Amino acid sequence: NDTVRVDISTGKILDHVKFEAGNTVMIKGGNNMGRVGVIMHRERHPGSFEIVPIKDAVGHTFSTRLTNVFVVGKGTKPWISLPKGNGIKLSIVEDRNAKM
């Protein structure tokens, strides 16, 4: 689950980042798709799915399966431009107020 940054024009590897606590991740599947946060730790459950608890920029904690997590940055600095809202999921009330 490590991530490699490649220069497309030359095909050379510029940098890599390991899947470890403290790195920035984006969720690529499940109910939390599109959210961005920092890995807190990794829970191994033999015979079942591995779970990764993640904390977002506002301080909300959520968990998802390991297969839904993609590392996008080293530490708290992402390598990519984040989507609108920086990957923070709004509550129903906050979302409604933002649309009005």
PDB file of N, CA and C in Angstrom:
ATOM      1  N   ASN A   1       0.803  -1.207   0.000  1.00  0.00           N
ATOM      2  CA  ASN A   1       0.000   0.000   0.000  1.00  0.00           C
ATOM      3  C   ASN A   1       0.841   1.264   0.000  1.00  0.00           C
ATOM      4  N   ASP A   2       2.113   1.152  -0.327  1.00  0.00           N
ATOM      5  CA  ASP A   2       2.965   2.330  -0.444  1.00  0.00           C
ATOM      6  C   ASP A   2       2.637   3.062  -1.737  1.00  0.00           C
ATOM      7  N   THR A   3       3.046   4.325  -1.827  1.00  0.00           N
ATOM      8  CA  THR A   3       2.787   5.139  -3.011  1.00  0.00           C
ATOM      9  C   THR A   3       4.116   5.615  -3.592  1.00  0.00           C
ATOM     10  N   VAL A   4       4.200   5.620  -4.920  1.00  0.00           N
ATOM     11  CA  VAL A   4       5.402   6.055  -5.621  1.00  0.00           C
ATOM     12  C   VAL A   4       5.049   7.254  -6.489  1.00  0.00           C
ATOM     13  N   ARG A   5       5.901   8.295  -6.476  1.00  0.00           N
ATOM     14  CA  ARG A   5       5.703   9.458  -7.342  1.00  0.00           C
ATOM     15  C   ARG A   5       6.670   9.322  -8.511  1.00  0.00           C
ATOM     16  N   VAL A   6       6.110   9.349  -9.744  1.00  0.00           N
ATOM     17  CA  VAL A   6       6.895   9.106 -10.954  1.00  0.00           C
ATOM     18  C   VAL A   6       6.831  10.328 -11.858  1.00  0.00           C
ATOM     19  N   ASP A   7       7.967  10.693 -12.461  1.00  0.00           N
ATOM     20  CA  ASP A   7       8.010  11.740 -13.474  1.00  0.00           C
ATOM     21  C   ASP A   7       7.568  11.103 -14.786  1.00  0.00           C
ATOM     22  N   ILE A   8       6.444  11.554 -15.317  1.00  0.00           N
ATOM     23  CA  ILE A   8       5.849  10.928 -16.502  1.00  0.00           C
ATOM     24  C   ILE A   8       6.732  11.075 -17.732  1.00  0.00           C
ATOM     25  N   SER A   9       7.388  12.216 -17.893  1.00  0.00           N
ATOM     26  CA  SER A   9       8.195  12.440 -19.098  1.00  0.00           C
ATOM     27  C   SER A   9       9.426  11.536 -19.154  1.00  0.00           C
ATOM     28  N   THR A  10      10.069  11.297 -18.012  1.00  0.00           N
ATOM     29  CA  THR A  10      11.279  10.478 -18.010  1.00  0.00           C
ATOM     30  C   THR A  10      11.038   9.059 -17.526  1.00  0.00           C
ATOM     31  N   GLY A  11       9.955   8.848 -16.796  1.00  0.00           N
ATOM     32  CA  GLY A  11       9.661   7.526 -16.257  1.00  0.00           C
ATOM     33  C   GLY A  11      10.464   7.184 -15.013  1.00  0.00           C
ATOM     34  N   LYS A  12      11.146   8.170 -14.443  1.00  0.00           N
ATOM     35  CA  LYS A  12      11.962   7.927 -13.262  1.00  0.00           C
ATOM     36  C   LYS A  12      11.153   8.133 -11.981  1.00  0.00           C
ATOM     37  N   ILE A  13      11.488   7.357 -10.973  1.00  0.00           N
ATOM     38  CA  ILE A  13      10.843   7.479  -9.669  1.00  0.00           C
ATOM     39  C   ILE A  13      11.442   8.670  -8.939  1.00  0.00           C
ATOM     40  N   LEU A  14      10.584   9.629  -8.548  1.00  0.00           N
ATOM     41  CA  LEU A  14      11.040  10.827  -7.842  1.00  0.00           C
ATOM     42  C   LEU A  14      11.072  10.622  -6.335  1.00  0.00           C
ATOM     43  N   ASP A  15      10.053   9.955  -5.810  1.00  0.00           N
ATOM     44  CA  ASP A  15       9.927   9.810  -4.363  1.00  0.00           C
ATOM     45  C   ASP A  15       8.951   8.683  -4.065  1.00  0.00           C
ATOM     46  N   HIS A  16       8.971   8.196  -2.842  1.00  0.00           N
ATOM     47  CA  HIS A  16       7.978   7.213  -2.415  1.00  0.00           C
ATOM     48  C   HIS A  16       7.605   7.509  -0.967  1.00  0.00           C
ATOM     49  N   VAL A  17       6.426   7.036  -0.582  1.00  0.00           N
ATOM     50  CA  VAL A  17       5.965   7.222   0.796  1.00  0.00           C
ATOM     51  C   VAL A  17       5.366   5.904   1.269  1.00  0.00           C
ATOM     52  N   LYS A  18       5.698   5.523   2.488  1.00  0.00           N
ATOM     53  CA  LYS A  18       5.225   4.269   3.057  1.00  0.00           C
ATOM     54  C   LYS A  18       3.839   4.448   3.666  1.00  0.00           C
ATOM     55  N   PHE A  19       3.115   3.345   3.752  1.00  0.00           N
ATOM     56  CA  PHE A  19       1.810   3.331   4.397  1.00  0.00           C
ATOM     57  C   PHE A  19       2.050   3.177   5.894  1.00  0.00           C
ATOM     58  N   GLU A  20       2.128   4.314   6.595  1.00  0.00           N
ATOM     59  CA  GLU A  20       2.380   4.284   8.031  1.00  0.00           C
ATOM     60  C   GLU A  20       1.645   5.433   8.706  1.00  0.00           C
ATOM     61  N   ALA A  21       1.527   5.345  10.009  1.00  0.00           N
ATOM     62  CA  ALA A  21       0.812   6.352  10.790  1.00  0.00           C
ATOM     63  C   ALA A  21       1.435   7.732  10.590  1.00  0.00           C
ATOM     64  N   GLY A  22       0.580   8.746  10.477  1.00  0.00           N
ATOM     65  CA  GLY A  22       1.032  10.119  10.326  1.00  0.00           C
ATOM     66  C   GLY A  22       1.046  10.618   8.899  1.00  0.00           C
ATOM     67  N   ASN A  23       0.838   9.750   7.905  1.00  0.00           N
ATOM     68  CA  ASN A  23       0.834  10.184   6.506  1.00  0.00           C
ATOM     69  C   ASN A  23      -0.578  10.515   6.034  1.00  0.00           C
ATOM     70  N   THR A  24      -0.672  11.437   5.066  1.00  0.00           N
ATOM     71  CA  THR A  24      -1.948  11.884   4.529  1.00  0.00           C
ATOM     72  C   THR A  24      -2.502  10.854   3.551  1.00  0.00           C
ATOM     73  N   VAL A  25      -3.803  10.574   3.677  1.00  0.00           N
ATOM     74  CA  VAL A  25      -4.452   9.593   2.809  1.00  0.00           C
ATOM     75  C   VAL A  25      -5.752  10.152   2.248  1.00  0.00           C
ATOM     76  N   MET A  26      -6.187   9.570   1.139  1.00  0.00           N
ATOM     77  CA  MET A  26      -7.494   9.864   0.565  1.00  0.00           C
ATOM     78  C   MET A  26      -8.249   8.546   0.473  1.00  0.00           C
ATOM     79  N   ILE A  27      -9.543   8.593   0.745  1.00  0.00           N
ATOM     80  CA  ILE A  27     -10.363   7.388   0.700  1.00  0.00           C
ATOM     81  C   ILE A  27     -10.904   7.235  -0.714  1.00  0.00           C
ATOM     82  N   LYS A  28     -10.690   6.056  -1.304  1.00  0.00           N
ATOM     83  CA  LYS A  28     -11.066   5.830  -2.702  1.00  0.00           C
ATOM     84  C   LYS A  28     -12.269   4.915  -2.873  1.00  0.00           C
ATOM     85  N   GLY A  29     -12.909   4.504  -1.776  1.00  0.00           N
ATOM     86  CA  GLY A  29     -14.087   3.647  -1.897  1.00  0.00           C
ATOM     87  C   GLY A  29     -14.859   3.612  -0.589  1.00  0.00           C
ATOM     88  N   GLY A  30     -16.069   3.064  -0.642  1.00  0.00           N
ATOM     89  CA  GLY A  30     -16.904   2.949   0.547  1.00  0.00           C
ATOM     90  C   GLY A  30     -17.702   4.212   0.823  1.00  0.00           C
ATOM     91  N   ASN A  31     -18.312   4.260   2.007  1.00  0.00           N
ATOM     92  CA  ASN A  31     -19.154   5.403   2.380  1.00  0.00           C
ATOM     93  C   ASN A  31     -18.361   6.681   2.608  1.00  0.00           C
ATOM     94  N   ASN A  32     -17.076   6.578   2.871  1.00  0.00           N
ATOM     95  CA  ASN A  32     -16.241   7.749   3.137  1.00  0.00           C
ATOM     96  C   ASN A  32     -15.460   8.210   1.913  1.00  0.00           C
ATOM     97  N   MET A  33     -15.855   7.782   0.723  1.00  0.00           N
ATOM     98  CA  MET A  33     -15.120   8.107  -0.504  1.00  0.00           C
ATOM     99  C   MET A  33     -14.925   9.618  -0.659  1.00  0.00           C
ATOM    100  N   GLY A  34     -13.680  10.014  -0.978  1.00  0.00           N
ATOM    101  CA  GLY A  34     -13.365  11.418  -1.202  1.00  0.00           C
ATOM    102  C   GLY A  34     -12.858  12.148   0.027  1.00  0.00           C
ATOM    103  N   ARG A  35     -12.971  11.525   1.193  1.00  0.00           N
ATOM    104  CA  ARG A  35     -12.493  12.181   2.413  1.00  0.00           C
ATOM    105  C   ARG A  35     -10.973  12.098   2.490  1.00  0.00           C
ATOM    106  N   VAL A  36     -10.379  13.086   3.133  1.00  0.00           N
ATOM    107  CA  VAL A  36      -8.929  13.163   3.284  1.00  0.00           C
ATOM    108  C   VAL A  36      -8.609  13.268   4.771  1.00  0.00           C
ATOM    109  N   GLY A  37      -7.552  12.592   5.193  1.00  0.00           N
ATOM    110  CA  GLY A  37      -7.152  12.653   6.594  1.00  0.00           C
ATOM    111  C   GLY A  37      -5.773  12.085   6.801  1.00  0.00           C
ATOM    112  N   VAL A  38      -5.431  11.870   8.068  1.00  0.00           N
ATOM    113  CA  VAL A  38      -4.119  11.357   8.448  1.00  0.00           C
ATOM    114  C   VAL A  38      -4.314  10.010   9.141  1.00  0.00           C
ATOM    115  N   ILE A  39      -3.483   9.037   8.786  1.00  0.00           N
ATOM    116  CA  ILE A  39      -3.569   7.701   9.380  1.00  0.00           C
ATOM    117  C   ILE A  39      -3.199   7.786  10.858  1.00  0.00           C
ATOM    118  N   MET A  40      -4.061   7.229  11.710  1.00  0.00           N
ATOM    119  CA  MET A  40      -3.759   7.175  13.140  1.00  0.00           C
ATOM    120  C   MET A  40      -2.968   5.904  13.455  1.00  0.00           C
ATOM    121  N   HIS A  41      -3.458   4.764  13.033  1.00  0.00           N
ATOM    122  CA  HIS A  41      -2.764   3.492  13.156  1.00  0.00           C
ATOM    123  C   HIS A  41      -3.446   2.472  12.252  1.00  0.00           C
ATOM    124  N   ARG A  42      -3.025   1.234  12.337  1.00  0.00           N
ATOM    125  CA  ARG A  42      -3.561   0.179  11.472  1.00  0.00           C
ATOM    126  C   ARG A  42      -3.951  -0.996  12.358  1.00  0.00           C
ATOM    127  N   GLU A  43      -5.210  -1.427  12.260  1.00  0.00           N
ATOM    128  CA  GLU A  43      -5.695  -2.536  13.075  1.00  0.00           C
ATOM    129  C   GLU A  43      -5.728  -3.800  12.227  1.00  0.00           C
ATOM    130  N   ARG A  44      -5.012  -4.827  12.678  1.00  0.00           N
ATOM    131  CA  ARG A  44      -5.008  -6.102  11.970  1.00  0.00           C
ATOM    132  C   ARG A  44      -5.997  -7.043  12.647  1.00  0.00           C
ATOM    133  N   HIS A  45      -6.896  -7.621  11.855  1.00  0.00           N
ATOM    134  CA  HIS A  45      -7.884  -8.576  12.343  1.00  0.00           C
ATOM    135  C   HIS A  45      -7.723  -9.872  11.557  1.00  0.00           C
ATOM    136  N   PRO A  46      -7.027 -10.859  12.110  1.00  0.00           N
ATOM    137  CA  PRO A  46      -6.800 -12.108  11.372  1.00  0.00           C
ATOM    138  C   PRO A  46      -8.116 -12.767  10.959  1.00  0.00           C
ATOM    139  N   GLY A  47      -8.209 -13.145   9.692  1.00  0.00           N
ATOM    140  CA  GLY A  47      -9.407 -13.780   9.177  1.00  0.00           C
ATOM    141  C   GLY A  47     -10.487 -12.800   8.756  1.00  0.00           C
ATOM    142  N   SER A  48     -10.219 -11.507   8.873  1.00  0.00           N
ATOM    143  CA  SER A  48     -11.196 -10.484   8.501  1.00  0.00           C
ATOM    144  C   SER A  48     -10.460  -9.329   7.832  1.00  0.00           C
ATOM    145  N   PHE A  49     -11.155  -8.214   7.641  1.00  0.00           N
ATOM    146  CA  PHE A  49     -10.568  -7.049   6.982  1.00  0.00           C
ATOM    147  C   PHE A  49      -9.675  -6.271   7.941  1.00  0.00           C
ATOM    148  N   GLU A  50      -8.610  -5.686   7.394  1.00  0.00           N
ATOM    149  CA  GLU A  50      -7.784  -4.780   8.183  1.00  0.00           C
ATOM    150  C   GLU A  50      -8.458  -3.411   8.167  1.00  0.00           C
ATOM    151  N   ILE A  51      -8.510  -2.761   9.324  1.00  0.00           N
ATOM    152  CA  ILE A  51      -9.206  -1.484   9.489  1.00  0.00           C
ATOM    153  C   ILE A  51      -8.174  -0.384   9.746  1.00  0.00           C
ATOM    154  N   VAL A  52      -8.402   0.786   9.124  1.00  0.00           N
ATOM    155  CA  VAL A  52      -7.503   1.931   9.301  1.00  0.00           C
ATOM    156  C   VAL A  52      -8.306   3.105   9.860  1.00  0.00           C
ATOM    157  N   PRO A  53      -8.069   3.490  11.134  1.00  0.00           N
ATOM    158  CA  PRO A  53      -8.691   4.693  11.680  1.00  0.00           C
ATOM    159  C   PRO A  53      -7.974   5.940  11.146  1.00  0.00           C
ATOM    160  N   ILE A  54      -8.768   6.932  10.729  1.00  0.00           N
ATOM    161  CA  ILE A  54      -8.227   8.142  10.102  1.00  0.00           C
ATOM    162  C   ILE A  54      -8.832   9.363  10.789  1.00  0.00           C
ATOM    163  N   LYS A  55      -8.021  10.418  10.937  1.00  0.00           N
ATOM    164  CA  LYS A  55      -8.491  11.677  11.540  1.00  0.00           C
ATOM    165  C   LYS A  55      -8.392  12.766  10.489  1.00  0.00           C
ATOM    166  N   ASP A  56      -9.511  13.486  10.246  1.00  0.00           N
ATOM    167  CA  ASP A  56      -9.493  14.540   9.227  1.00  0.00           C
ATOM    168  C   ASP A  56      -9.053  15.874   9.827  1.00  0.00           C
ATOM    169  N   ALA A  57      -9.014  16.906   8.990  1.00  0.00           N
ATOM    170  CA  ALA A  57      -8.487  18.212   9.395  1.00  0.00           C
ATOM    171  C   ALA A  57      -9.313  18.889  10.479  1.00  0.00           C
ATOM    172  N   VAL A  58     -10.598  18.544  10.581  1.00  0.00           N
ATOM    173  CA  VAL A  58     -11.456  19.176  11.583  1.00  0.00           C
ATOM    174  C   VAL A  58     -11.400  18.432  12.910  1.00  0.00           C
ATOM    175  N   GLY A  59     -10.793  17.244  12.909  1.00  0.00           N
ATOM    176  CA  GLY A  59     -10.678  16.473  14.140  1.00  0.00           C
ATOM    177  C   GLY A  59     -11.620  15.291  14.229  1.00  0.00           C
ATOM    178  N   HIS A  60     -12.473  15.096  13.209  1.00  0.00           N
ATOM    179  CA  HIS A  60     -13.375  13.948  13.201  1.00  0.00           C
ATOM    180  C   HIS A  60     -12.591  12.681  12.883  1.00  0.00           C
ATOM    181  N   THR A  61     -12.915  11.603  13.591  1.00  0.00           N
ATOM    182  CA  THR A  61     -12.252  10.321  13.373  1.00  0.00           C
ATOM    183  C   THR A  61     -13.231   9.370  12.717  1.00  0.00           C
ATOM    184  N   PHE A  62     -12.750   8.636  11.708  1.00  0.00           N
ATOM    185  CA  PHE A  62     -13.566   7.617  11.048  1.00  0.00           C
ATOM    186  C   PHE A  62     -12.666   6.457  10.674  1.00  0.00           C
ATOM    187  N   SER A  63     -13.256   5.304  10.426  1.00  0.00           N
ATOM    188  CA  SER A  63     -12.496   4.105  10.082  1.00  0.00           C
ATOM    189  C   SER A  63     -12.990   3.538   8.769  1.00  0.00           C
ATOM    190  N   THR A  64     -12.100   2.893   8.048  1.00  0.00           N
ATOM    191  CA  THR A  64     -12.457   2.255   6.788  1.00  0.00           C
ATOM    192  C   THR A  64     -11.536   1.062   6.556  1.00  0.00           C
ATOM    193  N   ARG A  65     -11.875   0.262   5.575  1.00  0.00           N
ATOM    194  CA  ARG A  65     -11.046  -0.891   5.242  1.00  0.00           C
ATOM    195  C   ARG A  65      -9.740  -0.440   4.598  1.00  0.00           C
ATOM    196  N   LEU A  66      -8.715  -1.243   4.777  1.00  0.00           N
ATOM    197  CA  LEU A  66      -7.397  -0.949   4.228  1.00  0.00           C
ATOM    198  C   LEU A  66      -7.432  -0.796   2.715  1.00  0.00           C
ATOM    199  N   THR A  67      -8.268  -1.576   2.030  1.00  0.00           N
ATOM    200  CA  THR A  67      -8.323  -1.529   0.563  1.00  0.00           C
ATOM    201  C   THR A  67      -8.901  -0.225   0.040  1.00  0.00           C
ATOM    202  N   ASN A  68      -9.576   0.557   0.897  1.00  0.00           N
ATOM    203  CA  ASN A  68     -10.181   1.823   0.477  1.00  0.00           C
ATOM    204  C   ASN A  68      -9.255   3.016   0.670  1.00  0.00           C
ATOM    205  N   VAL A  69      -8.044   2.793   1.193  1.00  0.00           N
ATOM    206  CA  VAL A  69      -7.154   3.890   1.567  1.00  0.00           C
ATOM    207  C   VAL A  69      -6.010   4.007   0.567  1.00  0.00           C
ATOM    208  N   PHE A  70      -5.702   5.270   0.162  1.00  0.00           N
ATOM    209  CA  PHE A  70      -4.630   5.552  -0.790  1.00  0.00           C
ATOM    210  C   PHE A  70      -3.771   6.679  -0.232  1.00  0.00           C
ATOM    211  N   VAL A  71      -2.489   6.439  -0.023  1.00  0.00           N
ATOM    212  CA  VAL A  71      -1.589   7.449   0.542  1.00  0.00           C
ATOM    213  C   VAL A  71      -1.314   8.527  -0.509  1.00  0.00           C
ATOM    214  N   VAL A  72      -1.548   9.801  -0.148  1.00  0.00           N
ATOM    215  CA  VAL A  72      -1.366  10.908  -1.091  1.00  0.00           C
ATOM    216  C   VAL A  72      -0.342  11.934  -0.623  1.00  0.00           C
ATOM    217  N   GLY A  73       0.321  11.685   0.500  1.00  0.00           N
ATOM    218  CA  GLY A  73       1.312  12.649   0.952  1.00  0.00           C
ATOM    219  C   GLY A  73       2.112  12.169   2.135  1.00  0.00           C
ATOM    220  N   LYS A  74       3.258  12.772   2.304  1.00  0.00           N
ATOM    221  CA  LYS A  74       4.148  12.452   3.416  1.00  0.00           C
ATOM    222  C   LYS A  74       3.839  13.395   4.561  1.00  0.00           C
ATOM    223  N   GLY A  75       3.622  12.868   5.753  1.00  0.00           N
ATOM    224  CA  GLY A  75       3.246  13.703   6.895  1.00  0.00           C
ATOM    225  C   GLY A  75       1.858  14.292   6.654  1.00  0.00           C
ATOM    226  N   THR A  76       1.692  15.545   7.008  1.00  0.00           N
ATOM    227  CA  THR A  76       0.391  16.195   6.804  1.00  0.00           C
ATOM    228  C   THR A  76       0.347  17.013   5.522  1.00  0.00           C
ATOM    229  N   LYS A  77       1.401  16.953   4.694  1.00  0.00           N
ATOM    230  CA  LYS A  77       1.456  17.724   3.448  1.00  0.00           C
ATOM    231  C   LYS A  77       1.138  16.822   2.257  1.00  0.00           C
ATOM    232  N   PRO A  78      -0.009  17.044   1.585  1.00  0.00           N
ATOM    233  CA  PRO A  78      -0.360  16.203   0.434  1.00  0.00           C
ATOM    234  C   PRO A  78       0.472  16.530  -0.805  1.00  0.00           C
ATOM    235  N   TRP A  79       0.726  15.526  -1.638  1.00  0.00           N
ATOM    236  CA  TRP A  79       1.453  15.698  -2.896  1.00  0.00           C
ATOM    237  C   TRP A  79       0.540  16.153  -4.013  1.00  0.00           C
ATOM    238  N   ILE A  80      -0.761  16.064  -3.828  1.00  0.00           N
ATOM    239  CA  ILE A  80      -1.720  16.397  -4.876  1.00  0.00           C
ATOM    240  C   ILE A  80      -2.559  17.590  -4.436  1.00  0.00           C
ATOM    241  N   SER A  81      -3.279  18.182  -5.395  1.00  0.00           N
ATOM    242  CA  SER A  81      -4.225  19.239  -5.024  1.00  0.00           C
ATOM    243  C   SER A  81      -5.495  18.551  -4.538  1.00  0.00           C
ATOM    244  N   LEU A  82      -5.999  19.004  -3.397  1.00  0.00           N
ATOM    245  CA  LEU A  82      -7.163  18.367  -2.784  1.00  0.00           C
ATOM    246  C   LEU A  82      -8.451  18.884  -3.411  1.00  0.00           C
ATOM    247  N   PRO A  83      -9.527  18.082  -3.349  1.00  0.00           N
ATOM    248  CA  PRO A  83     -10.806  18.516  -3.915  1.00  0.00           C
ATOM    249  C   PRO A  83     -11.401  19.684  -3.125  1.00  0.00           C
ATOM    250  N   LYS A  84     -12.460  20.268  -3.689  1.00  0.00           N
ATOM    251  CA  LYS A  84     -13.145  21.380  -3.034  1.00  0.00           C
ATOM    252  C   LYS A  84     -13.570  20.965  -1.626  1.00  0.00           C
ATOM    253  N   GLY A  85     -13.275  21.782  -0.644  1.00  0.00           N
ATOM    254  CA  GLY A  85     -13.598  21.457   0.738  1.00  0.00           C
ATOM    255  C   GLY A  85     -12.505  20.665   1.427  1.00  0.00           C
ATOM    256  N   ASN A  86     -11.400  20.420   0.739  1.00  0.00           N
ATOM    257  CA  ASN A  86     -10.243  19.703   1.288  1.00  0.00           C
ATOM    258  C   ASN A  86     -10.570  18.310   1.819  1.00  0.00           C
ATOM    259  N   GLY A  87     -11.585  17.673   1.257  1.00  0.00           N
ATOM    260  CA  GLY A  87     -11.912  16.305   1.636  1.00  0.00           C
ATOM    261  C   GLY A  87     -12.576  16.178   2.987  1.00  0.00           C
ATOM    262  N   ILE A  88     -13.199  17.265   3.467  1.00  0.00           N
ATOM    263  CA  ILE A  88     -13.887  17.235   4.760  1.00  0.00           C
ATOM    264  C   ILE A  88     -15.370  17.018   4.521  1.00  0.00           C
ATOM    265  N   LYS A  89     -15.939  16.013   5.196  1.00  0.00           N
ATOM    266  CA  LYS A  89     -17.360  15.711   5.043  1.00  0.00           C
ATOM    267  C   LYS A  89     -18.170  16.600   5.984  1.00  0.00           C
ATOM    268  N   LEU A  90     -19.114  17.329   5.419  1.00  0.00           N
ATOM    269  CA  LEU A  90     -19.965  18.211   6.214  1.00  0.00           C
ATOM    270  C   LEU A  90     -21.138  17.430   6.786  1.00  0.00           C
ATOM    271  N   SER A  91     -21.656  17.891   7.931  1.00  0.00           N
ATOM    272  CA  SER A  91     -22.864  17.283   8.481  1.00  0.00           C
ATOM    273  C   SER A  91     -24.045  17.689   7.596  1.00  0.00           C
ATOM    274  N   ILE A  92     -25.186  17.082   7.811  1.00  0.00           N
ATOM    275  CA  ILE A  92     -26.374  17.373   6.999  1.00  0.00           C
ATOM    276  C   ILE A  92     -26.761  18.842   7.120  1.00  0.00           C
ATOM    277  N   VAL A  93     -26.713  19.391   8.336  1.00  0.00           N
ATOM    278  CA  VAL A  93     -27.088  20.789   8.568  1.00  0.00           C
ATOM    279  C   VAL A  93     -26.084  21.720   7.906  1.00  0.00           C
ATOM    280  N   GLU A  94     -24.788  21.437   8.046  1.00  0.00           N
ATOM    281  CA  GLU A  94     -23.753  22.278   7.432  1.00  0.00           C
ATOM    282  C   GLU A  94     -23.851  22.252   5.908  1.00  0.00           C
ATOM    283  N   ASP A  95     -24.132  21.086   5.357  1.00  0.00           N
ATOM    284  CA  ASP A  95     -24.265  20.964   3.914  1.00  0.00           C
ATOM    285  C   ASP A  95     -25.463  21.755   3.396  1.00  0.00           C
ATOM    286  N   ARG A  96     -26.588  21.673   4.086  1.00  0.00           N
ATOM    287  CA  ARG A  96     -27.776  22.421   3.690  1.00  0.00           C
ATOM    288  C   ARG A  96     -27.534  23.931   3.758  1.00  0.00           C
ATOM    289  N   ASN A  97     -26.874  24.393   4.831  1.00  0.00           N
ATOM    290  CA  ASN A  97     -26.598  25.830   4.970  1.00  0.00           C
ATOM    291  C   ASN A  97     -25.635  26.326   3.903  1.00  0.00           C
ATOM    292  N   ALA A  98     -24.696  25.495   3.493  1.00  0.00           N
ATOM    293  CA  ALA A  98     -23.745  25.886   2.457  1.00  0.00           C
ATOM    294  C   ALA A  98     -24.430  26.024   1.100  1.00  0.00           C
ATOM    295  N   LYS A  99     -25.451  25.210   0.855  1.00  0.00           N
ATOM    296  CA  LYS A  99     -26.150  25.253  -0.427  1.00  0.00           C
ATOM    297  C   LYS A  99     -27.131  26.417  -0.519  1.00  0.00           C
ATOM    298  N   MET A 100     -27.555  26.929   0.615  1.00  0.00           N
ATOM    299  CA  MET A 100     -28.539  28.028   0.611  1.00  0.00           C
ATOM    300  C   MET A 100     -27.870  29.367   0.468  1.00  0.00           C
TER     301      MET A 100
END
